[in-house]
Amino acid sequence: MMMPNDKTYIQARQIMLGKENIKPEFAPLAQWIDQTYGVKTVDIFYELPDSGKPRIQVCLELEEDMEKFLTHSISYFDTSKQEAIAQKFKAVIEQQGLSEKTGFFSGLWGKPKRNTYSTDHVFVTYNAFEPAAKYEAASKISRQQIEEFMASLHHKDLWTISIEFFVPVFFVFTYSQAEEYNRSETKSIWEEEFFNFIQPFDEFGYFTKENTRIIIDSKENFDDNYSSNWYYYYK
């Protein structure tokens, strides 16, 4: 998952806010991906690692969009879609005279191309903007605000609330309490309350009543199985 401090996220965020645009040379590929697979591409990143094998990372808006390119097989990625995108990347870059080969030859008779790309054997990867934006929203919440939110619930069995990523963990005290509340209406009530709580921090509106979830766990589990250590718990 992208993180809020990743350069890929920062660039995609600027595009989502309308402050920047996808690179013009990548726009035809993004449009083709969107039309072919019914998704929204936010940005496309190109890199040429030391290994020499070019890589493009397709940044999709939603997590459900990204899942369309994954499989449950050992390969993880849908290789047919990877190959199709790689071939389309090669075609649109060569059409613009921006491949290493066409850029070289165009430079012999005219103005050299400033940005050229290696287009052979391109490896395609994916990420999604939505989870990183939700993580960013959760990271804006201070510990004091979490404590105030927990107090507003007025529930004697709540020990603490931890928001390490964007799915909060509501800790009650005992195993039996965790089991009870996971089966009860209380879980739905807490999910709705958390949705209302996080909305002011959710700049892009990705938290909805339908997709906001919480985890209910117990202090007993935290103490017994993770040595009361947050590092071990989230490892």
C-alpha atoms as a PDB file:
ATOM      1  CA  MET A   1       0.000   0.000   0.000  1.00  0.00           C
ATOM      2  CA  MET A   2       1.142   3.519  -0.729  1.00  0.00           C
ATOM      3  CA  MET A   3       1.824   5.625   2.333  1.00  0.00           C
ATOM      4  CA  PRO A   4       1.094   9.368   2.707  1.00  0.00           C
ATOM      5  CA  ASN A   5       4.802  10.226   2.607  1.00  0.00           C
ATOM      6  CA  ASP A   6       5.511   8.244  -0.592  1.00  0.00           C
ATOM      7  CA  LYS A   7       6.365  10.379  -3.599  1.00  0.00           C
ATOM      8  CA  THR A   8       3.852   8.371  -5.622  1.00  0.00           C
ATOM      9  CA  TYR A   9       1.074   9.272  -3.183  1.00  0.00           C
ATOM     10  CA  ILE A  10       2.092  12.932  -2.996  1.00  0.00           C
ATOM     11  CA  GLN A  11       1.996  13.227  -6.785  1.00  0.00           C
ATOM     12  CA  ALA A  12      -1.320  11.355  -7.063  1.00  0.00           C
ATOM     13  CA  ARG A  13      -2.792  13.521  -4.316  1.00  0.00           C
ATOM     14  CA  GLN A  14      -1.941  16.689  -6.241  1.00  0.00           C
ATOM     15  CA  ILE A  15      -3.673  15.249  -9.299  1.00  0.00           C
ATOM     16  CA  MET A  16      -6.759  14.283  -7.274  1.00  0.00           C
ATOM     17  CA  LEU A  17      -6.903  17.858  -5.951  1.00  0.00           C
ATOM     18  CA  GLY A  18      -6.655  19.236  -9.495  1.00  0.00           C
ATOM     19  CA  LYS A  19      -3.339  20.947  -8.789  1.00  0.00           C
ATOM     20  CA  GLU A  20      -1.329  18.839 -11.232  1.00  0.00           C
ATOM     21  CA  ASN A  21      -1.985  16.620 -14.238  1.00  0.00           C
ATOM     22  CA  ILE A  22      -0.785  13.216 -15.290  1.00  0.00           C
ATOM     23  CA  LYS A  23       2.233  13.434 -17.608  1.00  0.00           C
ATOM     24  CA  PRO A  24       0.939  14.091 -21.145  1.00  0.00           C
ATOM     25  CA  GLU A  25       2.858  11.149 -22.593  1.00  0.00           C
ATOM     26  CA  PHE A  26       1.108   8.787 -20.151  1.00  0.00           C
ATOM     27  CA  ALA A  27      -2.399  10.214 -20.581  1.00  0.00           C
ATOM     28  CA  PRO A  28      -3.293   8.027 -23.631  1.00  0.00           C
ATOM     29  CA  LEU A  29      -2.312   4.894 -21.697  1.00  0.00           C
ATOM     30  CA  ALA A  30      -4.362   5.967 -18.666  1.00  0.00           C
ATOM     31  CA  GLN A  31      -7.379   6.613 -20.874  1.00  0.00           C
ATOM     32  CA  TRP A  32      -6.997   3.207 -22.538  1.00  0.00           C
ATOM     33  CA  ILE A  33      -6.747   1.425 -19.163  1.00  0.00           C
ATOM     34  CA  ASP A  34      -9.880   3.192 -17.915  1.00  0.00           C
ATOM     35  CA  GLN A  35     -11.904   2.390 -21.021  1.00  0.00           C
ATOM     36  CA  THR A  36     -10.679  -1.201 -21.301  1.00  0.00           C
ATOM     37  CA  TYR A  37     -11.077  -2.260 -17.671  1.00  0.00           C
ATOM     38  CA  GLY A  38     -13.740   0.098 -16.320  1.00  0.00           C
ATOM     39  CA  VAL A  39     -11.525   1.768 -13.697  1.00  0.00           C
ATOM     40  CA  LYS A  40     -10.157   5.236 -12.927  1.00  0.00           C
ATOM     41  CA  THR A  41      -6.408   5.704 -13.303  1.00  0.00           C
ATOM     42  CA  VAL A  42      -5.066   8.569 -11.201  1.00  0.00           C
ATOM     43  CA  ASP A  43      -1.437   8.506 -12.336  1.00  0.00           C
ATOM     44  CA  ILE A  44       1.250   6.383 -13.966  1.00  0.00           C
ATOM     45  CA  PHE A  45       4.824   6.219 -12.705  1.00  0.00           C
ATOM     46  CA  TYR A  46       7.814   5.012 -14.702  1.00  0.00           C
ATOM     47  CA  GLU A  47      11.149   3.920 -13.313  1.00  0.00           C
ATOM     48  CA  LEU A  48      14.229   2.178 -14.633  1.00  0.00           C
ATOM     49  CA  PRO A  49      15.878   0.339 -11.707  1.00  0.00           C
ATOM     50  CA  ASP A  50      19.526  -0.640 -11.630  1.00  0.00           C
ATOM     51  CA  SER A  51      18.475  -4.053 -12.915  1.00  0.00           C
ATOM     52  CA  GLY A  52      17.721  -2.377 -16.222  1.00  0.00           C
ATOM     53  CA  LYS A  53      14.187  -3.771 -16.480  1.00  0.00           C
ATOM     54  CA  PRO A  54      11.701  -0.906 -16.873  1.00  0.00           C
ATOM     55  CA  ARG A  55       8.720  -0.768 -14.544  1.00  0.00           C
ATOM     56  CA  ILE A  56       5.479   1.168 -14.645  1.00  0.00           C
ATOM     57  CA  GLN A  57       3.237   1.548 -11.652  1.00  0.00           C
ATOM     58  CA  VAL A  58      -0.430   2.191 -12.381  1.00  0.00           C
ATOM     59  CA  CYS A  59      -2.038   4.210  -9.597  1.00  0.00           C
ATOM     60  CA  LEU A  60      -5.768   3.492  -9.560  1.00  0.00           C
ATOM     61  CA  GLU A  61      -8.217   5.480  -7.498  1.00  0.00           C
ATOM     62  CA  LEU A  62     -10.092   2.753  -5.648  1.00  0.00           C
ATOM     63  CA  GLU A  63      -8.960  -0.441  -3.980  1.00  0.00           C
ATOM     64  CA  GLU A  64     -11.721  -2.331  -5.797  1.00  0.00           C
ATOM     65  CA  ASP A  65     -10.258  -1.038  -9.081  1.00  0.00           C
ATOM     66  CA  MET A  66      -6.844  -2.465  -8.204  1.00  0.00           C
ATOM     67  CA  GLU A  67      -8.364  -5.839  -7.344  1.00  0.00           C
ATOM     68  CA  LYS A  68      -9.478  -6.217 -10.961  1.00  0.00           C
ATOM     69  CA  PHE A  69      -5.811  -6.686 -11.888  1.00  0.00           C
ATOM     70  CA  LEU A  70      -4.977  -9.241  -9.203  1.00  0.00           C
ATOM     71  CA  THR A  71      -5.566 -12.964  -8.910  1.00  0.00           C
ATOM     72  CA  HIS A  72      -5.638 -15.506  -6.106  1.00  0.00           C
ATOM     73  CA  SER A  73      -2.992 -17.577  -7.870  1.00  0.00           C
ATOM     74  CA  ILE A  74       0.689 -17.719  -7.015  1.00  0.00           C
ATOM     75  CA  SER A  75       1.446 -15.063  -9.639  1.00  0.00           C
ATOM     76  CA  TYR A  76      -0.684 -12.502  -7.707  1.00  0.00           C
ATOM     77  CA  PHE A  77      -0.963 -10.275 -10.793  1.00  0.00           C
ATOM     78  CA  ASP A  78      -3.201 -11.110 -13.753  1.00  0.00           C
ATOM     79  CA  THR A  79      -0.379 -11.703 -16.219  1.00  0.00           C
ATOM     80  CA  SER A  80      -2.565 -11.261 -19.305  1.00  0.00           C
ATOM     81  CA  LYS A  81      -3.532  -7.757 -18.171  1.00  0.00           C
ATOM     82  CA  GLN A  82       0.060  -6.983 -17.266  1.00  0.00           C
ATOM     83  CA  GLU A  83       1.158  -7.943 -20.763  1.00  0.00           C
ATOM     84  CA  ALA A  84      -1.665  -5.993 -22.416  1.00  0.00           C
ATOM     85  CA  ILE A  85      -0.798  -2.825 -20.484  1.00  0.00           C
ATOM     86  CA  ALA A  86       2.927  -3.260 -21.176  1.00  0.00           C
ATOM     87  CA  GLN A  87       2.259  -3.592 -24.916  1.00  0.00           C
ATOM     88  CA  LYS A  88      -0.036  -0.571 -24.915  1.00  0.00           C
ATOM     89  CA  PHE A  89       2.598   1.429 -23.029  1.00  0.00           C
ATOM     90  CA  LYS A  90       5.155   0.497 -25.666  1.00  0.00           C
ATOM     91  CA  ALA A  91       2.781   1.465 -28.480  1.00  0.00           C
ATOM     92  CA  VAL A  92       1.773   4.897 -27.107  1.00  0.00           C
ATOM     93  CA  ILE A  93       5.357   5.816 -26.215  1.00  0.00           C
ATOM     94  CA  GLU A  94       6.687   4.799 -29.620  1.00  0.00           C
ATOM     95  CA  GLN A  95       3.853   6.646 -31.376  1.00  0.00           C
ATOM     96  CA  GLN A  96       5.012   9.817 -29.625  1.00  0.00           C
ATOM     97  CA  GLY A  97       8.646   9.189 -30.545  1.00  0.00           C
ATOM     98  CA  LEU A  98       9.575   8.878 -26.885  1.00  0.00           C
ATOM     99  CA  SER A  99      11.008   5.390 -26.721  1.00  0.00           C
ATOM    100  CA  GLU A 100      14.772   5.121 -26.338  1.00  0.00           C
ATOM    101  CA  LYS A 101      15.022   3.932 -29.918  1.00  0.00           C
ATOM    102  CA  THR A 102      12.716   6.467 -31.583  1.00  0.00           C
ATOM    103  CA  GLY A 103      13.992   9.247 -29.327  1.00  0.00           C
ATOM    104  CA  PHE A 104      17.551   8.531 -30.417  1.00  0.00           C
ATOM    105  CA  PHE A 105      16.767   8.660 -34.112  1.00  0.00           C
ATOM    106  CA  SER A 106      14.554  11.747 -33.855  1.00  0.00           C
ATOM    107  CA  GLY A 107      17.459  13.478 -32.125  1.00  0.00           C
ATOM    108  CA  LEU A 108      19.673  12.864 -35.158  1.00  0.00           C
ATOM    109  CA  TRP A 109      17.514  14.971 -37.497  1.00  0.00           C
ATOM    110  CA  GLY A 110      15.677  17.319 -35.203  1.00  0.00           C
ATOM    111  CA  LYS A 111      15.319  18.529 -31.668  1.00  0.00           C
ATOM    112  CA  PRO A 112      16.407  15.784 -29.235  1.00  0.00           C
ATOM    113  CA  LYS A 113      13.695  14.275 -27.088  1.00  0.00           C
ATOM    114  CA  ARG A 114      14.222  15.266 -23.470  1.00  0.00           C
ATOM    115  CA  ASN A 115      12.319  12.350 -21.884  1.00  0.00           C
ATOM    116  CA  THR A 116      12.683   8.907 -23.377  1.00  0.00           C
ATOM    117  CA  TYR A 117      11.558   5.572 -22.022  1.00  0.00           C
ATOM    118  CA  SER A 118      12.718   1.992 -22.318  1.00  0.00           C
ATOM    119  CA  THR A 119       9.711   0.060 -23.639  1.00  0.00           C
ATOM    120  CA  ASP A 120      10.928  -3.532 -23.907  1.00  0.00           C
ATOM    121  CA  HIS A 121      10.018  -6.109 -21.251  1.00  0.00           C
ATOM    122  CA  VAL A 122       8.136  -3.615 -19.089  1.00  0.00           C
ATOM    123  CA  PHE A 123       6.963  -4.929 -15.727  1.00  0.00           C
ATOM    124  CA  VAL A 124       3.563  -3.549 -14.641  1.00  0.00           C
ATOM    125  CA  THR A 125       2.552  -3.102 -10.997  1.00  0.00           C
ATOM    126  CA  TYR A 126      -0.418  -1.424  -9.334  1.00  0.00           C
ATOM    127  CA  ASN A 127      -1.416   0.521  -6.283  1.00  0.00           C
ATOM    128  CA  ALA A 128      -4.545   2.338  -5.127  1.00  0.00           C
ATOM    129  CA  PHE A 129      -5.015   5.879  -3.906  1.00  0.00           C
ATOM    130  CA  GLU A 130      -8.040   5.243  -1.677  1.00  0.00           C
ATOM    131  CA  PRO A 131      -6.369   3.167   1.093  1.00  0.00           C
ATOM    132  CA  ALA A 132      -3.505   5.650   1.408  1.00  0.00           C
ATOM    133  CA  ALA A 133      -5.945   8.571   1.601  1.00  0.00           C
ATOM    134  CA  LYS A 134      -7.883   6.770   4.334  1.00  0.00           C
ATOM    135  CA  TYR A 135      -4.645   6.087   6.182  1.00  0.00           C
ATOM    136  CA  GLU A 136      -3.774   9.773   5.901  1.00  0.00           C
ATOM    137  CA  ALA A 137      -7.167  10.719   7.335  1.00  0.00           C
ATOM    138  CA  ALA A 138      -6.687   8.397  10.313  1.00  0.00           C
ATOM    139  CA  SER A 139      -3.144   9.651  10.885  1.00  0.00           C
ATOM    140  CA  LYS A 140      -4.443  13.194  11.390  1.00  0.00           C
ATOM    141  CA  ILE A 141      -6.274  12.144  14.551  1.00  0.00           C
ATOM    142  CA  SER A 142      -4.379  12.919  17.727  1.00  0.00           C
ATOM    143  CA  ARG A 143      -4.287  10.672  20.778  1.00  0.00           C
ATOM    144  CA  GLN A 144      -6.220  13.298  22.719  1.00  0.00           C
ATOM    145  CA  GLN A 145      -8.971  13.308  20.100  1.00  0.00           C
ATOM    146  CA  ILE A 146      -9.180   9.512  20.281  1.00  0.00           C
ATOM    147  CA  GLU A 147      -9.479   9.703  24.073  1.00  0.00           C
ATOM    148  CA  GLU A 148     -12.235  12.298  23.779  1.00  0.00           C
ATOM    149  CA  PHE A 149     -14.064  10.165  21.229  1.00  0.00           C
ATOM    150  CA  MET A 150     -13.800   7.103  23.458  1.00  0.00           C
ATOM    151  CA  ALA A 151     -15.159   9.091  26.415  1.00  0.00           C
ATOM    152  CA  SER A 152     -18.103  10.237  24.295  1.00  0.00           C
ATOM    153  CA  LEU A 153     -19.178   6.602  23.869  1.00  0.00           C
ATOM    154  CA  HIS A 154     -19.784   6.312  27.650  1.00  0.00           C
ATOM    155  CA  HIS A 155     -19.055   2.580  27.688  1.00  0.00           C
ATOM    156  CA  LYS A 156     -17.644   1.014  30.842  1.00  0.00           C
ATOM    157  CA  ASP A 157     -16.187  -2.017  29.045  1.00  0.00           C
ATOM    158  CA  LEU A 158     -13.980  -0.023  26.657  1.00  0.00           C
ATOM    159  CA  TRP A 159     -10.335  -0.144  27.658  1.00  0.00           C
ATOM    160  CA  THR A 160      -8.851   1.814  24.732  1.00  0.00           C
ATOM    161  CA  ILE A 161      -9.121   2.486  20.994  1.00  0.00           C
ATOM    162  CA  SER A 162      -6.120   2.075  18.710  1.00  0.00           C
ATOM    163  CA  ILE A 163      -5.971   3.469  15.161  1.00  0.00           C
ATOM    164  CA  GLU A 164      -2.717   2.240  13.667  1.00  0.00           C
ATOM    165  CA  PHE A 165      -3.958   2.141  10.078  1.00  0.00           C
ATOM    166  CA  PHE A 166      -7.485   3.148   9.099  1.00  0.00           C
ATOM    167  CA  VAL A 167      -9.480   0.302  10.656  1.00  0.00           C
ATOM    168  CA  PRO A 168      -9.676   1.110  14.376  1.00  0.00           C
ATOM    169  CA  VAL A 169      -9.391  -1.562  17.037  1.00  0.00           C
ATOM    170  CA  PHE A 170     -11.812  -1.148  19.944  1.00  0.00           C
ATOM    171  CA  PHE A 171     -10.372  -2.949  22.956  1.00  0.00           C
ATOM    172  CA  VAL A 172     -12.639  -4.229  25.678  1.00  0.00           C
ATOM    173  CA  PHE A 173     -11.187  -5.933  28.741  1.00  0.00           C
ATOM    174  CA  THR A 174     -11.852  -9.652  28.394  1.00  0.00           C
ATOM    175  CA  TYR A 175     -12.077 -12.379  25.772  1.00  0.00           C
ATOM    176  CA  SER A 176     -15.725 -12.978  26.655  1.00  0.00           C
ATOM    177  CA  GLN A 177     -16.587  -9.291  26.249  1.00  0.00           C
ATOM    178  CA  ALA A 178     -14.922  -9.197  22.833  1.00  0.00           C
ATOM    179  CA  GLU A 179     -16.879 -12.244  21.754  1.00  0.00           C
ATOM    180  CA  GLU A 180     -20.118 -10.760  23.063  1.00  0.00           C
ATOM    181  CA  TYR A 181     -19.715  -7.350  21.413  1.00  0.00           C
ATOM    182  CA  ASN A 182     -18.633  -8.818  18.096  1.00  0.00           C
ATOM    183  CA  ARG A 183     -22.021 -10.527  17.961  1.00  0.00           C
ATOM    184  CA  SER A 184     -24.100  -7.648  19.282  1.00  0.00           C
ATOM    185  CA  GLU A 185     -25.616  -4.484  17.851  1.00  0.00           C
ATOM    186  CA  THR A 186     -22.979  -2.514  19.759  1.00  0.00           C
ATOM    187  CA  LYS A 187     -20.453  -3.178  17.006  1.00  0.00           C
ATOM    188  CA  SER A 188     -22.701  -1.532  14.398  1.00  0.00           C
ATOM    189  CA  ILE A 189     -23.311   1.413  16.711  1.00  0.00           C
ATOM    190  CA  TRP A 190     -19.581   1.897  17.268  1.00  0.00           C
ATOM    191  CA  GLU A 191     -18.933   1.684  13.529  1.00  0.00           C
ATOM    192  CA  GLU A 192     -21.469   4.434  12.870  1.00  0.00           C
ATOM    193  CA  GLU A 193     -20.029   6.550  15.678  1.00  0.00           C
ATOM    194  CA  PHE A 194     -16.514   6.118  14.283  1.00  0.00           C
ATOM    195  CA  PHE A 195     -17.750   7.091  10.808  1.00  0.00           C
ATOM    196  CA  ASN A 196     -19.186  10.321  12.227  1.00  0.00           C
ATOM    197  CA  PHE A 197     -15.966  10.917  14.144  1.00  0.00           C
ATOM    198  CA  ILE A 198     -13.562  10.505  11.219  1.00  0.00           C
ATOM    199  CA  GLN A 199     -15.556  12.446   8.626  1.00  0.00           C
ATOM    200  CA  PRO A 200     -13.921  15.848   9.368  1.00  0.00           C
ATOM    201  CA  PHE A 201     -10.501  14.266   8.746  1.00  0.00           C
ATOM    202  CA  ASP A 202     -11.559  12.492   5.527  1.00  0.00           C
ATOM    203  CA  GLU A 203     -10.561  14.993   2.839  1.00  0.00           C
ATOM    204  CA  PHE A 204     -11.552  12.784  -0.108  1.00  0.00           C
ATOM    205  CA  GLY A 205     -14.721  11.262   1.350  1.00  0.00           C
ATOM    206  CA  TYR A 206     -13.659   7.628   1.111  1.00  0.00           C
ATOM    207  CA  PHE A 207     -15.156   6.635   4.459  1.00  0.00           C
ATOM    208  CA  THR A 208     -18.834   5.819   4.093  1.00  0.00           C
ATOM    209  CA  LYS A 209     -21.384   4.315   6.438  1.00  0.00           C
ATOM    210  CA  GLU A 210     -21.311   1.184   4.311  1.00  0.00           C
ATOM    211  CA  ASN A 211     -17.548   0.629   4.266  1.00  0.00           C
ATOM    212  CA  THR A 212     -16.533   1.893   7.720  1.00  0.00           C
ATOM    213  CA  ARG A 213     -15.481  -1.081   9.832  1.00  0.00           C
ATOM    214  CA  ILE A 214     -13.994  -1.609  13.249  1.00  0.00           C
ATOM    215  CA  ILE A 215     -12.281  -4.537  14.947  1.00  0.00           C
ATOM    216  CA  ILE A 216     -13.228  -5.493  18.487  1.00  0.00           C
ATOM    217  CA  ASP A 217     -10.444  -7.127  20.492  1.00  0.00           C
ATOM    218  CA  SER A 218      -9.601  -7.528  24.154  1.00  0.00           C
ATOM    219  CA  LYS A 219      -6.938  -6.358  26.556  1.00  0.00           C
ATOM    220  CA  GLU A 220      -6.584  -9.988  27.638  1.00  0.00           C
ATOM    221  CA  ASN A 221      -5.579 -10.966  24.111  1.00  0.00           C
ATOM    222  CA  PHE A 222      -3.205  -7.993  23.893  1.00  0.00           C
ATOM    223  CA  ASP A 223      -1.560  -8.937  27.198  1.00  0.00           C
ATOM    224  CA  ASP A 224      -1.506 -12.715  26.802  1.00  0.00           C
ATOM    225  CA  ASN A 225      -0.484 -13.067  23.158  1.00  0.00           C
ATOM    226  CA  TYR A 226       1.413  -9.866  22.382  1.00  0.00           C
ATOM    227  CA  SER A 227       3.191  -9.217  25.683  1.00  0.00           C
ATOM    228  CA  SER A 228       1.258  -5.932  26.018  1.00  0.00           C
ATOM    229  CA  ASN A 229       3.414  -4.571  23.192  1.00  0.00           C
ATOM    230  CA  TRP A 230       1.967  -2.525  20.314  1.00  0.00           C
ATOM    231  CA  TYR A 231       4.889  -3.370  18.035  1.00  0.00           C
ATOM    232  CA  TYR A 232       4.166  -7.090  18.345  1.00  0.00           C
ATOM    233  CA  TYR A 233       0.432  -6.537  17.950  1.00  0.00           C
ATOM    234  CA  TYR A 234       0.709  -4.751  14.602  1.00  0.00           C
ATOM    235  CA  LYS A 235       3.716  -6.650  13.301  1.00  0.00           C
END
